[in-house]
Protein backbone atom coordinates (compact mmCIF):
# COMPACT_ATOMS: atom_id res chain seq x y z
CA MET A 1 0.00 0.00 0.00
CA GLU A 2 1.26 3.48 -0.88
CA ARG A 3 2.37 5.48 2.17
CA ARG A 4 3.10 9.20 2.25
CA PRO A 5 4.38 10.79 5.45
CA GLY A 6 1.91 13.27 6.92
CA VAL A 7 -0.83 12.50 4.38
CA PRO A 8 -3.05 9.76 5.78
CA ARG A 9 -4.96 7.66 3.30
CA LEU A 10 -8.35 8.73 4.65
CA LEU A 11 -7.46 12.41 4.25
CA ARG A 12 -6.39 11.84 0.65
CA GLU A 13 -9.70 10.12 -0.07
CA ILE A 14 -11.62 13.02 1.49
CA ASN A 15 -9.66 15.54 -0.58
CA ASP A 16 -10.17 13.55 -3.77
CA ARG A 17 -13.91 13.31 -3.17
CA ALA A 18 -14.19 17.02 -2.38
CA ALA A 19 -12.39 18.00 -5.58
CA LEU A 20 -14.35 15.54 -7.72
CA ASP A 21 -17.70 16.66 -6.28
CA LEU A 22 -16.79 20.29 -6.86
CA LEU A 23 -15.83 19.70 -10.49
CA LEU A 24 -19.02 17.72 -11.10
CA ALA A 25 -21.14 20.45 -9.54
CA THR A 26 -19.53 23.50 -11.12
CA GLY A 27 -17.72 22.38 -14.27
CA PRO A 28 -14.14 23.18 -15.34
CA MET A 29 -11.99 24.91 -12.71
CA THR A 30 -8.36 25.84 -12.18
CA ARG A 31 -6.19 24.35 -9.49
CA GLY A 32 -6.32 27.64 -7.61
CA GLN A 33 -10.12 27.77 -7.72
CA ILE A 34 -10.38 24.22 -6.47
CA GLY A 35 -7.99 24.98 -3.63
CA GLU A 36 -9.87 28.13 -2.68
CA LEU A 37 -13.31 26.49 -2.61
CA THR A 38 -12.21 23.30 -0.86
CA GLY A 39 -9.77 24.92 1.55
CA LEU A 40 -6.85 22.92 0.18
CA SER A 41 -3.40 24.41 -0.17
CA LYS A 42 -1.92 24.79 -3.66
CA VAL A 43 0.39 21.84 -3.06
CA THR A 44 -2.41 19.61 -1.76
CA ALA A 45 -4.73 20.65 -4.60
CA SER A 46 -2.02 19.80 -7.11
CA GLN A 47 -1.47 16.38 -5.51
CA THR A 48 -5.22 15.74 -5.50
CA LEU A 49 -5.60 16.59 -9.17
CA ALA A 50 -2.57 14.46 -10.03
CA ARG A 51 -4.19 11.44 -8.34
CA LEU A 52 -7.48 12.03 -10.11
CA GLU A 53 -5.68 12.36 -13.45
CA GLU A 54 -3.75 9.16 -12.80
CA ARG A 55 -7.04 7.32 -12.17
CA GLY A 56 -8.48 8.61 -15.44
CA LEU A 57 -11.13 10.74 -13.77
CA VAL A 58 -10.12 14.29 -14.69
CA GLU A 59 -8.26 15.95 -17.54
CA VAL A 60 -7.12 19.39 -18.66
CA VAL A 61 -9.72 20.86 -21.01
CA GLY A 62 -8.30 24.34 -21.59
CA THR A 63 -6.70 27.32 -19.93
CA GLN A 64 -7.89 30.43 -18.15
CA ALA A 65 -6.13 33.76 -18.43
CA GLY A 66 -5.15 35.27 -15.13
CA GLY A 67 -3.02 38.12 -13.98
CA ARG A 68 0.72 37.85 -14.20
CA GLY A 69 2.35 34.65 -15.33
CA PRO A 70 1.15 31.84 -17.61
CA ASN A 71 -2.47 30.91 -18.08
CA ALA A 72 -3.87 28.43 -15.55
CA ALA A 73 -4.95 24.96 -16.67
CA LEU A 74 -8.67 24.19 -16.46
CA TYR A 75 -9.58 20.74 -15.12
CA ALA A 76 -12.83 18.85 -15.71
CA VAL A 77 -14.20 15.41 -14.97
CA ILE A 78 -13.93 13.10 -17.98
CA PRO A 79 -17.53 12.32 -19.08
CA SER A 80 -16.67 8.76 -20.06
CA SER A 81 -15.11 7.95 -16.68
CA ALA A 82 -18.41 6.31 -15.68
CA TYR A 83 -21.85 5.61 -17.03
CA VAL A 84 -25.08 4.73 -15.24
CA ALA A 85 -28.51 3.38 -16.14
CA GLY A 86 -31.83 4.49 -14.66
CA LEU A 87 -35.11 2.73 -15.36
CA GLU A 88 -38.80 3.14 -14.64
CA VAL A 89 -40.67 -0.15 -14.81
CA GLY A 90 -44.43 -0.07 -15.20
CA PRO A 91 -47.09 -2.61 -16.12
CA GLU A 92 -47.18 -1.56 -19.78
CA LEU A 93 -43.88 0.19 -20.53
CA ILE A 94 -40.28 0.21 -19.40
CA SER A 95 -38.30 3.43 -19.83
CA ALA A 96 -34.51 3.24 -19.61
CA ALA A 97 -31.82 5.91 -19.86
CA VAL A 98 -28.03 5.85 -19.89
CA ALA A 99 -26.19 8.92 -18.59
CA ASP A 100 -22.56 9.89 -18.21
CA ILE A 101 -20.90 10.80 -14.92
CA HIS A 102 -22.14 14.40 -15.27
CA GLY A 103 -25.74 13.16 -15.34
CA ARG A 104 -26.25 14.02 -19.00
CA THR A 105 -28.64 11.59 -20.67
CA ILE A 106 -27.01 10.22 -23.81
CA SER A 107 -29.52 7.51 -24.68
CA GLU A 108 -33.09 6.66 -23.75
CA VAL A 109 -35.46 3.94 -24.87
CA VAL A 110 -39.02 2.88 -24.17
CA VAL A 111 -39.89 -0.80 -24.59
CA GLU A 112 -43.02 -2.88 -24.15
CA PRO A 113 -42.62 -6.07 -22.12
CA GLY A 114 -44.85 -7.94 -24.54
CA ALA A 115 -45.73 -11.54 -23.81
CA ASP A 116 -42.53 -12.08 -21.83
CA ASP A 117 -43.24 -10.98 -18.28
CA ASP A 118 -39.97 -12.28 -16.82
CA PRO A 119 -38.50 -9.19 -15.07
CA VAL A 120 -34.90 -10.28 -15.59
CA SER A 121 -35.09 -10.66 -19.37
CA VAL A 122 -37.28 -7.56 -19.79
CA VAL A 123 -34.91 -5.33 -17.79
CA HIS A 124 -31.86 -6.86 -19.47
CA ASP A 125 -33.24 -6.12 -22.95
CA ALA A 126 -34.13 -2.53 -22.03
CA ILE A 127 -30.67 -1.80 -20.62
CA VAL A 128 -28.91 -3.43 -23.57
CA LYS A 129 -30.94 -1.31 -26.01
CA ALA A 130 -30.18 1.87 -24.06
CA CYS A 131 -26.46 1.01 -23.95
CA ARG A 132 -26.47 0.27 -27.66
CA GLY A 133 -27.99 3.68 -28.34
CA ALA A 134 -25.34 5.31 -26.17
CA LYS A 135 -22.55 3.25 -27.77
CA VAL A 136 -21.55 2.14 -24.29
CA SER A 137 -20.85 -1.46 -23.36
CA LEU A 138 -22.85 -2.96 -20.51
CA SER A 139 -19.61 -3.55 -18.62
CA LYS A 140 -19.01 0.21 -18.35
CA LEU A 141 -22.12 0.82 -16.24
CA ARG A 142 -21.13 1.79 -12.69
CA GLY A 143 -24.65 2.08 -11.33
CA VAL A 144 -28.07 0.61 -12.17
CA VAL A 145 -31.20 1.81 -10.36
CA ILE A 146 -34.71 0.58 -11.18
CA GLY A 147 -37.88 2.37 -10.10
CA THR A 148 -41.01 0.26 -9.58
CA PRO A 149 -44.41 0.79 -7.98
CA GLY A 150 -44.98 -1.05 -4.73
CA VAL A 151 -43.10 -1.69 -1.51
CA VAL A 152 -39.37 -2.48 -1.69
CA ASP A 153 -37.92 -4.44 1.23
CA PRO A 154 -34.91 -2.41 2.47
CA ARG A 155 -33.21 -5.59 3.72
CA SER A 156 -33.47 -7.89 0.69
CA GLY A 157 -33.81 -5.18 -1.97
CA ASP A 158 -36.75 -7.05 -3.50
CA VAL A 159 -40.19 -5.74 -4.36
CA ARG A 160 -42.27 -7.10 -1.48
CA PHE A 161 -45.53 -6.58 -3.32
CA SER A 162 -46.82 -4.56 -6.24
CA PHE A 163 -50.30 -4.60 -7.71
CA ASP A 164 -49.00 -3.53 -11.10
CA LEU A 165 -46.05 -5.93 -11.26
CA PRO A 166 -47.12 -9.35 -9.97
CA GLY A 167 -44.08 -10.97 -11.61
CA TRP A 168 -41.71 -9.01 -9.38
CA HIS A 169 -41.24 -11.22 -6.36
CA GLU A 170 -38.63 -12.38 -3.87
CA GLY A 171 -35.38 -13.32 -5.59
CA ILE A 172 -35.71 -10.93 -8.54
CA HIS A 173 -33.18 -8.49 -7.07
CA GLU A 174 -30.51 -11.16 -6.78
CA ALA A 175 -31.37 -12.56 -10.21
CA LEU A 176 -31.00 -9.14 -11.84
CA ALA A 177 -27.63 -8.55 -10.20
CA GLY A 178 -26.46 -11.97 -11.37
CA ASP A 179 -27.70 -11.44 -14.90
CA LEU A 180 -26.16 -7.97 -15.27
CA ARG A 181 -23.05 -8.93 -13.26
CA ARG A 182 -23.12 -5.80 -11.17
CA LYS A 183 -24.87 -4.21 -8.24
CA VAL A 184 -28.51 -3.38 -8.94
CA THR A 185 -30.77 -1.23 -6.77
CA ILE A 186 -34.56 -1.42 -6.86
CA GLU A 187 -36.34 1.60 -5.41
CA ASN A 188 -39.94 2.72 -5.01
CA ASP A 189 -40.91 4.94 -7.94
CA VAL A 190 -42.33 7.79 -5.83
CA ASN A 191 -39.14 7.90 -3.75
CA LEU A 192 -37.17 8.36 -6.96
CA ALA A 193 -39.48 11.17 -8.05
CA ALA A 194 -38.65 12.90 -4.75
CA ILE A 195 -34.92 12.54 -5.46
CA ALA A 196 -35.46 14.28 -8.81
CA GLU A 197 -37.56 16.98 -7.11
CA ARG A 198 -34.80 17.71 -4.59
CA ALA A 199 -32.15 17.90 -7.31
CA ASP A 200 -33.99 19.74 -10.07
CA GLY A 201 -37.46 20.76 -8.91
CA ALA A 202 -39.57 22.66 -6.40
CA ALA A 203 -37.73 21.13 -3.43
CA LYS A 204 -34.24 21.88 -4.77
CA GLY A 205 -31.73 21.85 -1.95
CA LEU A 206 -34.33 21.27 0.79
CA ASP A 207 -33.70 18.65 3.45
CA ASP A 208 -37.30 18.28 4.64
CA PHE A 209 -40.35 17.88 2.40
CA VAL A 210 -42.90 15.32 1.26
CA LEU A 211 -43.97 14.53 -2.28
CA LEU A 212 -47.54 13.41 -2.86
CA TRP A 213 -47.86 11.41 -6.07
CA ALA A 214 -51.37 11.54 -7.52
CA SER A 215 -51.68 9.47 -10.65
CA ARG A 216 -53.11 6.03 -11.42
CA GLY A 217 -52.50 5.31 -7.76
CA LEU A 218 -51.52 7.38 -4.76
CA GLY A 219 -48.11 7.46 -3.11
CA LEU A 220 -46.00 9.55 -0.78
CA ALA A 221 -42.25 10.08 -0.51
CA ILE A 222 -40.78 11.44 2.72
CA MET A 223 -37.49 13.35 2.75
CA LEU A 224 -36.15 14.09 6.24
CA GLY A 225 -32.73 15.54 6.93
CA GLY A 226 -31.83 15.13 3.27
CA ARG A 227 -32.49 11.38 3.36
CA LEU A 228 -35.43 9.30 2.20
CA HIS A 229 -37.42 7.80 5.04
CA ARG A 230 -38.47 4.30 3.98
CA GLY A 231 -39.50 2.80 7.30
CA ARG A 232 -38.43 -0.52 8.80
CA SER A 233 -40.25 -2.60 6.18
CA GLY A 234 -40.06 -0.11 3.31
CA SER A 235 -43.75 0.75 3.63
CA ALA A 236 -43.42 4.40 4.69
CA GLY A 237 -45.50 6.50 2.31
CA GLU A 238 -48.17 3.90 1.50
CA ILE A 239 -50.73 6.65 2.02
CA GLY A 240 -53.38 4.95 -0.09
CA TYR A 241 -54.26 2.83 2.95
CA LEU A 242 -54.83 5.87 5.17
CA PRO A 243 -58.25 5.62 6.89
CA VAL A 244 -60.33 8.73 6.17
CA PRO A 245 -63.78 9.87 7.33
CA GLY A 246 -66.75 8.61 5.35
CA VAL A 247 -64.81 5.93 3.47
CA PRO A 248 -64.78 2.22 4.31
CA LEU A 249 -61.58 0.90 5.83
CA PRO A 250 -59.36 -1.22 3.56
CA GLU A 251 -60.41 -4.84 3.99
CA ASP A 252 -58.04 -7.77 4.56
CA ILE A 253 -54.71 -6.16 3.72
CA ARG A 254 -52.62 -9.22 4.59
CA THR A 255 -49.83 -10.06 2.18
CA GLU A 256 -49.02 -13.70 1.58
CA PRO A 257 -47.04 -15.52 -1.12
CA GLY A 258 -49.01 -15.36 -4.34
CA ARG A 259 -51.62 -13.07 -2.83
CA LEU A 260 -51.82 -9.27 -2.98
CA PRO A 261 -53.68 -7.16 -0.41
CA SER A 262 -56.91 -5.37 -1.22
CA LEU A 263 -56.86 -1.69 -2.16
CA ALA A 264 -60.56 -1.16 -1.54
CA GLY A 265 -61.25 1.62 0.95
CA GLY A 266 -58.99 4.24 2.48
CA LEU A 267 -57.70 7.42 0.85
CA GLN A 268 -56.90 5.52 -2.36
CA SER A 269 -60.60 5.06 -3.01
CA LEU A 270 -61.07 8.86 -2.97
CA VAL A 271 -58.21 10.14 -5.14
CA SER A 272 -57.03 7.34 -7.39
CA ALA A 273 -57.26 8.06 -11.12
CA GLU A 274 -60.38 5.92 -11.29
CA ALA A 275 -61.97 7.85 -8.40
CA VAL A 276 -61.09 11.22 -9.93
CA THR A 277 -62.55 10.19 -13.30
CA GLU A 278 -65.77 9.04 -11.65
CA LEU A 279 -65.97 12.27 -9.66
CA ALA A 280 -65.36 14.34 -12.81
CA ARG A 281 -68.28 12.64 -14.55
CA SER A 282 -70.57 13.64 -11.71
CA TYR A 283 -69.53 17.27 -12.32
CA GLY A 284 -70.07 17.01 -16.08
CA PHE A 285 -66.43 16.51 -17.14
CA ALA A 286 -66.58 13.11 -18.81
CA VAL A 287 -63.66 13.73 -21.17
CA GLY A 288 -61.42 10.69 -20.81
CA SER A 289 -58.64 10.01 -18.32
CA ALA A 290 -58.33 11.59 -14.89
CA THR A 291 -55.48 13.76 -16.15
CA GLU A 292 -57.60 15.04 -19.05
CA CYS A 293 -60.55 15.71 -16.72
CA VAL A 294 -58.41 17.83 -14.41
CA LYS A 295 -56.86 19.75 -17.32
CA VAL A 296 -60.30 20.54 -18.73
CA ALA A 297 -61.56 21.62 -15.29
CA VAL A 298 -58.61 24.00 -14.89
CA ALA A 299 -59.19 25.46 -18.36
CA ALA A 300 -62.92 25.84 -17.69
CA GLY A 301 -62.37 28.55 -15.09
CA ALA A 302 -65.34 29.12 -12.78
CA GLU A 303 -67.21 26.14 -14.23
CA GLY A 304 -64.43 23.79 -13.18
CA GLU A 305 -63.92 25.20 -9.68
CA PRO A 306 -66.38 22.89 -7.87
CA LEU A 307 -64.58 19.80 -9.20
CA LEU A 308 -61.16 21.18 -8.26
CA ASP A 309 -62.46 22.11 -4.80
CA GLU A 310 -63.64 18.55 -4.20
CA ILE A 311 -60.38 16.96 -5.44
CA ALA A 312 -58.41 19.38 -3.25
CA HIS A 313 -60.56 18.54 -0.22
CA ARG A 314 -59.91 14.84 -0.72
CA LEU A 315 -56.16 15.32 -1.16
CA ALA A 316 -56.09 17.59 1.89
CA LEU A 317 -57.25 14.71 4.09
CA GLY A 318 -54.01 12.89 3.32
CA VAL A 319 -51.80 15.97 3.42
CA ALA A 320 -53.15 17.05 6.81
CA ALA A 321 -52.61 13.60 8.31
CA VAL A 322 -49.00 13.64 7.17
CA CYS A 323 -48.32 17.21 8.26
CA VAL A 324 -49.56 16.90 11.85
CA ILE A 325 -47.03 14.08 12.30
CA LEU A 326 -44.05 15.23 10.22
CA ASP A 327 -44.53 19.00 9.82
CA PRO A 328 -42.42 18.95 6.62
CA GLY A 329 -42.97 22.61 5.67
CA LEU A 330 -43.27 21.82 1.97
CA VAL A 331 -45.61 19.45 0.15
CA VAL A 332 -44.95 18.86 -3.55
CA LEU A 333 -47.87 17.61 -5.61
CA SER A 334 -46.67 15.40 -8.45
CA GLY A 335 -47.86 12.59 -10.67
CA GLU A 336 -50.07 13.04 -13.74
CA VAL A 337 -53.11 14.31 -11.84
CA GLY A 338 -51.05 16.53 -9.55
CA HIS A 339 -49.13 18.03 -12.46
CA ALA A 340 -52.31 18.61 -14.48
CA GLY A 341 -53.93 20.54 -11.61
CA GLY A 342 -51.07 23.02 -11.34
CA GLU A 343 -51.42 26.03 -9.07
CA ALA A 344 -55.21 25.92 -9.38
CA LEU A 345 -55.15 22.64 -7.48
CA THR A 346 -52.22 23.20 -5.10
CA SER A 347 -53.58 26.52 -3.85
CA ARG A 348 -56.86 24.82 -3.05
CA VAL A 349 -55.12 21.95 -1.26
CA GLU A 350 -53.13 24.44 0.82
CA GLU A 351 -56.30 26.29 1.83
CA ALA A 352 -58.17 23.06 2.57
CA VAL A 353 -55.34 21.81 4.79
CA ALA A 354 -55.32 25.10 6.71
CA ARG A 355 -59.00 24.63 7.53
CA ILE A 356 -58.55 21.21 9.13
CA CYS A 357 -54.95 21.17 10.34
CA PRO A 358 -52.97 23.35 12.80
CA VAL A 359 -49.90 22.92 10.59
CA ARG A 360 -50.01 24.97 7.39
CA PRO A 361 -47.46 23.70 4.89
CA GLN A 362 -46.65 25.30 1.58
CA VAL A 363 -48.17 23.19 -1.19
CA VAL A 364 -46.65 23.50 -4.66
CA THR A 365 -46.73 21.73 -8.01
CA THR A 366 -43.71 19.77 -9.17
CA THR A 367 -41.29 21.77 -11.30
CA VAL A 368 -39.17 18.87 -12.54
CA THR A 369 -38.92 19.52 -16.27
CA ASP A 370 -37.90 15.99 -17.23
CA ASP A 371 -40.89 14.20 -18.74
CA ASN A 372 -40.06 11.12 -16.65
CA PRO A 373 -39.23 12.19 -13.07
CA VAL A 374 -39.05 8.59 -11.83
CA ARG A 375 -36.43 7.65 -14.41
CA ARG A 376 -34.56 10.90 -13.74
CA GLY A 377 -34.51 10.08 -10.03
CA ALA A 378 -33.20 6.62 -10.87
CA VAL A 379 -30.35 8.16 -12.89
CA LEU A 380 -29.48 10.52 -10.03
CA ALA A 381 -29.51 7.69 -7.49
CA ALA A 382 -27.30 5.62 -9.79
CA LEU A 383 -24.90 8.55 -10.13
CA ASP A 384 -24.47 8.69 -6.35
CA GLU A 385 -23.54 5.02 -6.37
CA ALA A 386 -21.16 5.44 -9.30
CA ARG A 387 -19.35 8.39 -7.77
CA GLU A 388 -18.84 6.46 -4.54
CA GLU A 389 -17.43 3.53 -6.51
CA LEU A 390 -15.09 5.74 -8.54
CA LEU A 391 -13.22 6.80 -5.42
CA ALA A 392 -13.39 3.49 -3.60
CA PRO A 393 -9.95 2.32 -2.46
């Protein structure tokens, strides 16, 4: 093992990570700029950059004119130093993207599982197609994160149950890792949407917030202290089961091998896409999907306000229950229905919560511009894993 007097190995690793993170966050910088922003001396900054160059992680990409003396070299992280794959797996489509170490998407594909419902072969084919489009070999992937609906067991890494993906069962996580010959992470799709929201959206830089996903189903992601809160069994955020006034309780929610729990009753029965569509019909907005109904109601102005008021009231039951326990400060409304409602819906939810809850959070619409926030969150989570691996001893 290499030994350098006065420069412990751990300190070198910390310095390397600080410099790499800074370059990834800000782009090309000079040695002096890196030293100034990390607190490293010129000598230490030079040694750090030399190590990163030796490992093929950074390179000189130009020069910057300064005062007296020669121009200073500009260093940047080499884009091809690592690649990652992020996927969203749904019942009808699988969306996969390959990104470089900077997080830039260089290839994306959407595939239909077809008659083959074996998760391993379906995921394998999607990743291979995305890698082929990126002209990157599968062996160069440093991180693979897959977003799925349902509860993911934090101990085994498997999907414990999912209504939409009955083929995803115990053992799939290990089988995927064996097939791809690398570490694979499976994560709840709403949790990944929250990661994207914290990086690029309405919760950018915030350590505490919740994201309420209103789409075909209902889900909640909890970010506390800058970390996702999954709960002991991975079930934190399963807000669809929340008992609410005037709605039957969910019946027989036991999970057993080969058997999925019932989703009848609870908050899910009030604000699922099916429930929103049925509600819209009763208000005269029978125009198709729940998303389309909400969009038409927003565009209808005063005529659509009663429908939006009722949807907001229903969502507020869940938001209030979460806020009196967690007091997150910010609630982001996402998912197809949440996004379609925009400020017209979020402002109503905020007002409805204030009427029934002593905690008044700010309620906002997602501002993630990526058309697939779950997949974007998967890419970002994979990047975290890849960057850790790059600097592993």
